[in-house]
Amino acid sequence: AITLKAADGEKAYDGTPLTANAVELIGGTLAEGDFIADYTVEGSRTYVGRTDNVITDVVIRNAAGEDVTRNYSIETVVGVLKITR
């Protein structure tokens, strides 16, 4: 089992969208040679307030490039995007 957290982000309002397209492994470990090959994080905020940043897809591959995602129980933690005044 592993736990991945979507990135947090914060900035002052400037009229442009805030996104944080990153994940962090915060629990468990990947098997030797395995790595997070791809992921999708969905979240965007333009105006003052808070929005969830959510991991919607993860692909884990081994050193040979094979998809081994099914070998893991993956829990995700929501990140927070925050625009301040």
Protein backbone atom coordinates (compact mmCIF):
# COMPACT_ATOMS: atom_id res chain seq x y z
CA ALA A 1 0.00 0.00 0.00
CA ILE A 2 1.16 3.52 -0.77
CA THR A 3 -0.27 6.96 -0.10
CA LEU A 4 0.11 9.82 -2.56
CA LYS A 5 -0.71 13.46 -1.83
CA ALA A 6 -1.62 16.05 -4.45
CA ALA A 7 0.44 19.22 -4.22
CA ASP A 8 -0.75 22.29 -2.33
CA GLY A 9 -0.47 25.77 -3.82
CA GLU A 10 -1.07 29.31 -2.64
CA LYS A 11 -0.69 32.78 -4.12
CA ALA A 12 -2.14 36.26 -3.97
CA TYR A 13 -4.90 37.04 -6.47
CA ASP A 14 -3.48 38.18 -9.80
CA GLY A 15 -6.23 37.12 -12.21
CA THR A 16 -4.39 34.05 -13.49
CA PRO A 17 -5.19 30.43 -12.59
CA LEU A 18 -3.30 28.60 -9.85
CA THR A 19 -2.51 24.94 -10.49
CA ALA A 20 -0.13 22.54 -8.79
CA ASN A 21 0.49 19.51 -10.98
CA ALA A 22 2.59 17.34 -8.67
CA VAL A 23 2.26 14.37 -6.35
CA GLU A 24 4.29 13.30 -3.34
CA LEU A 25 4.69 9.81 -1.90
CA ILE A 26 3.84 10.32 1.78
CA GLY A 27 3.24 6.74 2.91
CA GLY A 28 4.56 3.32 2.05
CA THR A 29 7.34 2.53 -0.39
CA LEU A 30 7.59 1.46 -3.99
CA ALA A 31 9.31 -1.83 -4.78
CA GLU A 32 12.91 -1.52 -5.91
CA GLY A 33 12.99 -0.32 -9.51
CA ASP A 34 9.35 0.83 -9.50
CA PHE A 35 8.52 4.48 -10.11
CA ILE A 36 5.56 6.78 -10.62
CA ALA A 37 5.59 7.08 -14.39
CA ASP A 38 2.54 9.26 -14.90
CA TYR A 39 -0.23 10.90 -12.94
CA THR A 40 -3.13 13.28 -13.39
CA VAL A 41 -3.93 16.00 -10.86
CA GLU A 42 -7.12 18.01 -11.37
CA GLY A 43 -7.53 21.36 -9.69
CA SER A 44 -7.47 25.01 -10.66
CA ARG A 45 -8.37 28.22 -8.86
CA THR A 46 -8.49 31.76 -10.29
CA TYR A 47 -10.40 33.81 -7.71
CA VAL A 48 -9.96 34.32 -3.95
CA GLY A 49 -10.86 31.13 -2.05
CA ARG A 50 -9.90 27.47 -1.77
CA THR A 51 -10.27 24.51 -4.12
CA ASP A 52 -9.37 20.85 -3.81
CA ASN A 53 -6.46 19.54 -5.88
CA VAL A 54 -7.27 15.88 -6.59
CA ILE A 55 -5.23 12.98 -7.95
CA THR A 56 -7.43 11.24 -10.53
CA ASP A 57 -5.00 8.78 -12.14
CA VAL A 58 -1.65 7.17 -11.37
CA VAL A 59 0.55 4.82 -13.41
CA ILE A 60 3.44 2.97 -11.76
CA ARG A 61 6.03 1.17 -13.89
CA ASN A 62 8.92 -1.13 -13.10
CA ALA A 63 12.49 -0.86 -14.38
CA ALA A 64 11.50 -2.80 -17.52
CA GLY A 65 8.77 -0.23 -18.26
CA GLU A 66 5.89 -2.59 -17.47
CA ASP A 67 2.75 -1.18 -15.88
CA VAL A 68 2.68 -2.55 -12.31
CA THR A 69 0.03 -0.19 -10.92
CA ARG A 70 -2.25 -3.13 -10.11
CA ASN A 71 0.37 -4.41 -7.64
CA TYR A 72 -0.33 -1.45 -5.35
CA SER A 73 -3.20 -0.38 -3.16
CA ILE A 74 -3.12 3.38 -3.70
CA GLU A 75 -4.66 5.85 -1.30
CA THR A 76 -4.75 9.52 -2.25
CA VAL A 77 -4.79 12.67 -0.17
CA VAL A 78 -6.35 15.85 -1.54
CA GLY A 79 -4.18 18.95 -1.84
CA VAL A 80 -5.46 22.51 -1.44
CA LEU A 81 -5.18 25.41 -3.88
CA LYS A 82 -5.66 28.78 -2.18
CA ILE A 83 -5.90 32.28 -3.62
CA THR A 84 -5.60 35.14 -1.15
CA ARG A 85 -6.34 38.84 -1.51
